[in-house]
Amino acid sequence: MLAAITLLLVYQLAGEVIAQVFALPVPGPVIGMGLLFGTLAVRGAVSDELRGTANGLLQHLSLLFVPAGTGVMLHFNRLADEWLALLASLLVSTALTIAVSALLMRALMARGGADEGRES
């Protein structure tokens, strides 16, 4: 478990370093997660230790939202002042995400159906 947590933190650190060095607008942990995904995709498998550690972290995921909730309460007045813009951006981004996901799923299903037809 210690090795798996260390691996996760090393990828997060690598992502932070890349984000800082190249002044990217993407958070370091997101870059680190992409790097980890790429590594696991190349390897083709996830070790049992990493899988168990990740599942353990996911079981306690709600605890990771406490700092974010605290930050929201710290800036509650600003949220109250700009609620309309926040609501509009949330609605538009949610609708856009659903639409893009549906189109992507339709395209992938059509491609998968075409692949199945070729195999027959």
N, C-alpha and C. Protein backbone atom coordinates (compact mmCIF):
# COMPACT_ATOMS: atom_id res chain seq x y z
N MET A 1 0.82 -1.19 0.00
CA MET A 1 0.00 0.00 0.00
C MET A 1 0.87 1.26 0.00
N LEU A 2 1.94 1.25 0.75
CA LEU A 2 2.82 2.40 0.81
C LEU A 2 3.45 2.69 -0.56
N ALA A 3 3.83 1.64 -1.26
CA ALA A 3 4.43 1.82 -2.59
C ALA A 3 3.41 2.40 -3.57
N ALA A 4 2.16 1.97 -3.47
CA ALA A 4 1.13 2.48 -4.38
C ALA A 4 0.82 3.94 -4.08
N ILE A 5 0.73 4.31 -2.82
CA ILE A 5 0.49 5.72 -2.47
C ILE A 5 1.67 6.57 -2.92
N THR A 6 2.86 6.06 -2.74
CA THR A 6 4.05 6.78 -3.20
C THR A 6 4.01 6.97 -4.71
N LEU A 7 3.62 5.94 -5.43
CA LEU A 7 3.49 6.04 -6.89
C LEU A 7 2.48 7.13 -7.28
N LEU A 8 1.34 7.14 -6.63
CA LEU A 8 0.32 8.16 -6.92
C LEU A 8 0.84 9.56 -6.63
N LEU A 9 1.55 9.72 -5.52
CA LEU A 9 2.09 11.04 -5.16
C LEU A 9 3.21 11.47 -6.10
N VAL A 10 4.01 10.51 -6.58
CA VAL A 10 5.07 10.84 -7.54
C VAL A 10 4.46 11.36 -8.84
N TYR A 11 3.39 10.71 -9.31
CA TYR A 11 2.73 11.18 -10.53
C TYR A 11 2.09 12.55 -10.31
N GLN A 12 1.53 12.76 -9.13
CA GLN A 12 0.96 14.08 -8.84
C GLN A 12 2.07 15.13 -8.81
N LEU A 13 3.19 14.82 -8.21
CA LEU A 13 4.32 15.75 -8.18
C LEU A 13 4.83 16.03 -9.59
N ALA A 14 4.92 15.00 -10.41
CA ALA A 14 5.36 15.20 -11.80
C ALA A 14 4.40 16.12 -12.53
N GLY A 15 3.12 15.94 -12.31
CA GLY A 15 2.13 16.81 -12.93
C GLY A 15 2.25 18.24 -12.45
N GLU A 16 2.49 18.43 -11.15
CA GLU A 16 2.67 19.78 -10.60
C GLU A 16 3.90 20.44 -11.21
N VAL A 17 4.98 19.71 -11.32
CA VAL A 17 6.22 20.26 -11.88
C VAL A 17 5.99 20.67 -13.34
N ILE A 18 5.35 19.80 -14.11
CA ILE A 18 5.08 20.12 -15.52
C ILE A 18 4.18 21.35 -15.63
N ALA A 19 3.14 21.42 -14.79
CA ALA A 19 2.23 22.57 -14.83
C ALA A 19 2.95 23.86 -14.48
N GLN A 20 3.85 23.81 -13.49
CA GLN A 20 4.58 25.02 -13.08
C GLN A 20 5.64 25.42 -14.10
N VAL A 21 6.40 24.46 -14.60
CA VAL A 21 7.49 24.76 -15.53
C VAL A 21 6.96 25.35 -16.83
N PHE A 22 5.87 24.77 -17.34
CA PHE A 22 5.33 25.24 -18.62
C PHE A 22 4.19 26.24 -18.45
N ALA A 23 3.90 26.65 -17.21
CA ALA A 23 2.84 27.62 -16.91
C ALA A 23 1.53 27.23 -17.58
N LEU A 24 1.14 25.97 -17.42
CA LEU A 24 -0.08 25.46 -18.03
C LEU A 24 -1.31 25.83 -17.20
N PRO A 25 -2.44 26.05 -17.86
CA PRO A 25 -3.66 26.38 -17.11
C PRO A 25 -4.37 25.14 -16.56
N VAL A 26 -3.75 23.98 -16.69
CA VAL A 26 -4.33 22.72 -16.21
C VAL A 26 -3.70 22.40 -14.85
N PRO A 27 -4.52 21.99 -13.87
CA PRO A 27 -3.96 21.64 -12.55
C PRO A 27 -2.97 20.48 -12.63
N GLY A 28 -1.95 20.55 -11.82
CA GLY A 28 -0.92 19.51 -11.79
C GLY A 28 -1.46 18.11 -11.55
N PRO A 29 -2.40 17.94 -10.59
CA PRO A 29 -2.93 16.59 -10.37
C PRO A 29 -3.63 16.01 -11.60
N VAL A 30 -4.24 16.86 -12.40
CA VAL A 30 -4.89 16.37 -13.63
C VAL A 30 -3.83 15.89 -14.62
N ILE A 31 -2.76 16.64 -14.74
CA ILE A 31 -1.66 16.22 -15.62
C ILE A 31 -1.06 14.92 -15.10
N GLY A 32 -0.85 14.83 -13.79
CA GLY A 32 -0.31 13.61 -13.19
C GLY A 32 -1.23 12.41 -13.43
N MET A 33 -2.54 12.63 -13.34
CA MET A 33 -3.47 11.54 -13.60
C MET A 33 -3.39 11.10 -15.06
N GLY A 34 -3.22 12.05 -15.96
CA GLY A 34 -3.04 11.70 -17.38
C GLY A 34 -1.77 10.90 -17.60
N LEU A 35 -0.70 11.31 -16.93
CA LEU A 35 0.56 10.57 -17.04
C LEU A 35 0.42 9.15 -16.50
N LEU A 36 -0.27 9.03 -15.36
CA LEU A 36 -0.49 7.71 -14.78
C LEU A 36 -1.34 6.86 -15.71
N PHE A 37 -2.39 7.45 -16.29
CA PHE A 37 -3.23 6.72 -17.23
C PHE A 37 -2.41 6.24 -18.42
N GLY A 38 -1.58 7.13 -18.95
CA GLY A 38 -0.73 6.75 -20.08
C GLY A 38 0.20 5.61 -19.74
N THR A 39 0.80 5.67 -18.57
CA THR A 39 1.70 4.60 -18.13
C THR A 39 0.97 3.28 -18.00
N LEU A 40 -0.22 3.33 -17.38
CA LEU A 40 -0.99 2.10 -17.20
C LEU A 40 -1.50 1.56 -18.53
N ALA A 41 -1.83 2.46 -19.46
CA ALA A 41 -2.28 2.02 -20.79
C ALA A 41 -1.15 1.33 -21.54
N VAL A 42 0.06 1.86 -21.41
CA VAL A 42 1.22 1.24 -22.08
C VAL A 42 1.52 -0.11 -21.45
N ARG A 43 1.47 -0.17 -20.12
CA ARG A 43 1.74 -1.44 -19.42
C ARG A 43 0.65 -2.47 -19.68
N GLY A 44 -0.57 -1.98 -19.88
CA GLY A 44 -1.68 -2.88 -20.17
C GLY A 44 -2.35 -3.49 -18.96
N ALA A 45 -1.91 -3.14 -17.76
CA ALA A 45 -2.51 -3.72 -16.56
C ALA A 45 -2.24 -2.81 -15.36
N VAL A 46 -3.07 -3.00 -14.35
CA VAL A 46 -2.91 -2.28 -13.08
C VAL A 46 -2.53 -3.31 -12.04
N SER A 47 -1.50 -3.02 -11.25
CA SER A 47 -1.08 -3.98 -10.22
C SER A 47 -2.17 -4.10 -9.16
N ASP A 48 -2.20 -5.26 -8.52
CA ASP A 48 -3.21 -5.49 -7.47
C ASP A 48 -3.05 -4.50 -6.33
N GLU A 49 -1.79 -4.16 -6.01
CA GLU A 49 -1.54 -3.22 -4.92
C GLU A 49 -2.09 -1.83 -5.25
N LEU A 50 -1.87 -1.37 -6.48
CA LEU A 50 -2.38 -0.07 -6.89
C LEU A 50 -3.90 -0.09 -6.95
N ARG A 51 -4.47 -1.17 -7.44
CA ARG A 51 -5.92 -1.30 -7.52
C ARG A 51 -6.54 -1.24 -6.11
N GLY A 52 -5.96 -1.97 -5.17
CA GLY A 52 -6.47 -1.98 -3.81
C GLY A 52 -6.36 -0.61 -3.14
N THR A 53 -5.24 0.05 -3.35
CA THR A 53 -5.05 1.39 -2.77
C THR A 53 -6.03 2.38 -3.37
N ALA A 54 -6.21 2.33 -4.68
CA ALA A 54 -7.16 3.24 -5.34
C ALA A 54 -8.57 2.99 -4.85
N ASN A 55 -8.96 1.74 -4.71
CA ASN A 55 -10.29 1.43 -4.19
C ASN A 55 -10.46 1.92 -2.76
N GLY A 56 -9.41 1.80 -1.95
CA GLY A 56 -9.47 2.33 -0.58
C GLY A 56 -9.64 3.83 -0.56
N LEU A 57 -8.94 4.54 -1.45
CA LEU A 57 -9.11 5.99 -1.52
C LEU A 57 -10.51 6.36 -2.00
N LEU A 58 -11.03 5.61 -2.96
CA LEU A 58 -12.37 5.90 -3.48
C LEU A 58 -13.45 5.67 -2.43
N GLN A 59 -13.23 4.74 -1.52
CA GLN A 59 -14.20 4.49 -0.46
C GLN A 59 -14.32 5.69 0.48
N HIS A 60 -13.26 6.47 0.58
CA HIS A 60 -13.25 7.64 1.47
C HIS A 60 -13.22 8.94 0.69
N LEU A 61 -13.72 8.90 -0.53
CA LEU A 61 -13.68 10.06 -1.42
C LEU A 61 -14.42 11.27 -0.84
N SER A 62 -15.48 11.02 -0.10
CA SER A 62 -16.26 12.14 0.44
C SER A 62 -15.43 13.01 1.38
N LEU A 63 -14.45 12.42 2.05
CA LEU A 63 -13.59 13.22 2.94
C LEU A 63 -12.75 14.23 2.16
N LEU A 64 -12.46 13.92 0.90
CA LEU A 64 -11.64 14.82 0.10
C LEU A 64 -12.41 16.07 -0.34
N PHE A 65 -13.74 16.06 -0.17
CA PHE A 65 -14.53 17.22 -0.55
C PHE A 65 -14.67 18.23 0.59
N VAL A 66 -14.23 17.89 1.78
CA VAL A 66 -14.33 18.80 2.93
C VAL A 66 -13.55 20.10 2.68
N PRO A 67 -12.30 20.06 2.21
CA PRO A 67 -11.60 21.33 1.95
C PRO A 67 -12.30 22.18 0.89
N ALA A 68 -12.85 21.55 -0.14
CA ALA A 68 -13.55 22.30 -1.18
C ALA A 68 -14.80 22.96 -0.60
N GLY A 69 -15.52 22.24 0.23
CA GLY A 69 -16.72 22.82 0.87
C GLY A 69 -16.36 23.98 1.79
N THR A 70 -15.24 23.86 2.47
CA THR A 70 -14.78 24.96 3.32
C THR A 70 -14.44 26.18 2.47
N GLY A 71 -13.81 25.96 1.34
CA GLY A 71 -13.49 27.07 0.44
C GLY A 71 -14.74 27.76 -0.08
N VAL A 72 -15.76 26.98 -0.37
CA VAL A 72 -17.02 27.57 -0.84
C VAL A 72 -17.62 28.45 0.25
N MET A 73 -17.59 27.99 1.49
CA MET A 73 -18.15 28.78 2.59
C MET A 73 -17.34 30.05 2.84
N LEU A 74 -16.03 29.98 2.60
CA LEU A 74 -15.19 31.17 2.77
C LEU A 74 -15.57 32.27 1.77
N HIS A 75 -15.98 31.87 0.58
CA HIS A 75 -16.31 32.84 -0.47
C HIS A 75 -17.81 32.89 -0.72
N PHE A 76 -18.61 32.65 0.30
CA PHE A 76 -20.06 32.61 0.15
C PHE A 76 -20.62 33.94 -0.34
N ASN A 77 -20.09 35.06 0.15
CA ASN A 77 -20.59 36.37 -0.29
C ASN A 77 -20.36 36.58 -1.79
N ARG A 78 -19.22 36.16 -2.27
CA ARG A 78 -18.95 36.30 -3.70
C ARG A 78 -19.89 35.42 -4.51
N LEU A 79 -20.14 34.20 -4.01
CA LEU A 79 -21.09 33.32 -4.69
C LEU A 79 -22.48 33.93 -4.71
N ALA A 80 -22.88 34.58 -3.62
CA ALA A 80 -24.19 35.22 -3.56
C ALA A 80 -24.28 36.37 -4.56
N ASP A 81 -23.18 37.10 -4.75
CA ASP A 81 -23.17 38.22 -5.69
C ASP A 81 -23.21 37.77 -7.14
N GLU A 82 -22.63 36.63 -7.44
CA GLU A 82 -22.49 36.19 -8.83
C GLU A 82 -23.25 34.89 -9.11
N TRP A 83 -24.36 34.66 -8.41
CA TRP A 83 -25.09 33.41 -8.52
C TRP A 83 -25.66 33.19 -9.92
N LEU A 84 -26.11 34.25 -10.58
CA LEU A 84 -26.72 34.09 -11.89
C LEU A 84 -25.70 33.62 -12.93
N ALA A 85 -24.53 34.24 -12.93
CA ALA A 85 -23.48 33.83 -13.87
C ALA A 85 -23.03 32.40 -13.58
N LEU A 86 -22.91 32.05 -12.30
CA LEU A 86 -22.51 30.69 -11.94
C LEU A 86 -23.56 29.67 -12.37
N LEU A 87 -24.83 29.99 -12.13
CA LEU A 87 -25.90 29.09 -12.52
C LEU A 87 -25.94 28.90 -14.04
N ALA A 88 -25.81 30.00 -14.77
CA ALA A 88 -25.82 29.91 -16.23
C ALA A 88 -24.65 29.07 -16.74
N SER A 89 -23.46 29.29 -16.19
CA SER A 89 -22.30 28.52 -16.65
C SER A 89 -22.44 27.05 -16.28
N LEU A 90 -23.00 26.74 -15.13
CA LEU A 90 -23.21 25.34 -14.75
C LEU A 90 -24.21 24.67 -15.68
N LEU A 91 -25.30 25.35 -16.00
CA LEU A 91 -26.32 24.77 -16.87
C LEU A 91 -25.78 24.57 -18.29
N VAL A 92 -25.10 25.58 -18.82
CA VAL A 92 -24.57 25.47 -20.18
C VAL A 92 -23.49 24.39 -20.25
N SER A 93 -22.58 24.36 -19.28
CA SER A 93 -21.52 23.37 -19.33
C SER A 93 -22.07 21.96 -19.14
N THR A 94 -23.09 21.80 -18.30
CA THR A 94 -23.70 20.48 -18.12
C THR A 94 -24.38 20.02 -19.40
N ALA A 95 -25.15 20.92 -20.02
CA ALA A 95 -25.83 20.56 -21.27
C ALA A 95 -24.82 20.24 -22.37
N LEU A 96 -23.76 21.02 -22.44
CA LEU A 96 -22.72 20.78 -23.45
C LEU A 96 -22.02 19.44 -23.21
N THR A 97 -21.74 19.12 -21.97
CA THR A 97 -21.10 17.85 -21.64
C THR A 97 -22.00 16.68 -22.01
N ILE A 98 -23.29 16.79 -21.70
CA ILE A 98 -24.22 15.71 -22.03
C ILE A 98 -24.30 15.54 -23.55
N ALA A 99 -24.38 16.66 -24.28
CA ALA A 99 -24.48 16.59 -25.74
C ALA A 99 -23.23 15.97 -26.36
N VAL A 100 -22.06 16.41 -25.92
CA VAL A 100 -20.81 15.87 -26.47
C VAL A 100 -20.69 14.39 -26.12
N SER A 101 -21.04 14.01 -24.91
CA SER A 101 -20.97 12.60 -24.51
C SER A 101 -21.92 11.76 -25.36
N ALA A 102 -23.13 12.26 -25.60
CA ALA A 102 -24.10 11.52 -26.41
C ALA A 102 -23.60 11.37 -27.85
N LEU A 103 -23.06 12.44 -28.42
CA LEU A 103 -22.54 12.36 -29.79
C LEU A 103 -21.35 11.41 -29.88
N LEU A 104 -20.48 11.46 -28.90
CA LEU A 104 -19.33 10.56 -28.88
C LEU A 104 -19.78 9.11 -28.74
N MET A 105 -20.75 8.87 -27.86
CA MET A 105 -21.25 7.52 -27.69
C MET A 105 -21.90 7.02 -28.98
N ARG A 106 -22.67 7.87 -29.63
CA ARG A 106 -23.31 7.48 -30.89
C ARG A 106 -22.25 7.13 -31.95
N ALA A 107 -21.21 7.96 -32.02
CA ALA A 107 -20.15 7.71 -33.00
C ALA A 107 -19.41 6.41 -32.69
N LEU A 108 -19.11 6.17 -31.42
CA LEU A 108 -18.40 4.96 -31.04
C LEU A 108 -19.26 3.72 -31.24
N MET A 109 -20.56 3.83 -30.96
CA MET A 109 -21.45 2.69 -31.16
C MET A 109 -21.59 2.38 -32.65
N ALA A 110 -21.66 3.41 -33.47
CA ALA A 110 -21.76 3.20 -34.91
C ALA A 110 -20.48 2.54 -35.44
N ARG A 111 -19.36 3.00 -34.94
CA ARG A 111 -18.08 2.42 -35.34
C ARG A 111 -17.96 0.98 -34.86
N GLY A 112 -18.41 0.72 -33.64
CA GLY A 112 -18.39 -0.65 -33.10
C GLY A 112 -19.30 -1.56 -33.87
N GLY A 113 -20.47 -1.07 -34.27
CA GLY A 113 -21.39 -1.87 -35.07
C GLY A 113 -20.81 -2.17 -36.44
N ALA A 114 -20.09 -1.20 -37.00
CA ALA A 114 -19.46 -1.42 -38.31
C ALA A 114 -18.34 -2.44 -38.19
N ASP A 115 -17.61 -2.40 -37.06
CA ASP A 115 -16.54 -3.38 -36.85
C ASP A 115 -17.09 -4.78 -36.69
N GLU A 116 -18.24 -4.90 -35.99
CA GLU A 116 -18.85 -6.21 -35.79
C GLU A 116 -19.32 -6.78 -37.13
N GLY A 117 -19.81 -5.91 -38.01
CA GLY A 117 -20.29 -6.36 -39.31
C GLY A 117 -19.17 -6.90 -40.17
N ARG A 118 -17.97 -6.33 -40.01
CA ARG A 118 -16.83 -6.78 -40.81
C ARG A 118 -16.34 -8.15 -40.37
N GLU A 119 -16.47 -8.45 -39.08
CA GLU A 119 -15.97 -9.71 -38.58
C GLU A 119 -16.83 -10.88 -39.04
N SER A 120 -18.11 -10.63 -39.31
CA SER A 120 -19.02 -11.71 -39.69
C SER A 120 -18.74 -12.24 -41.07
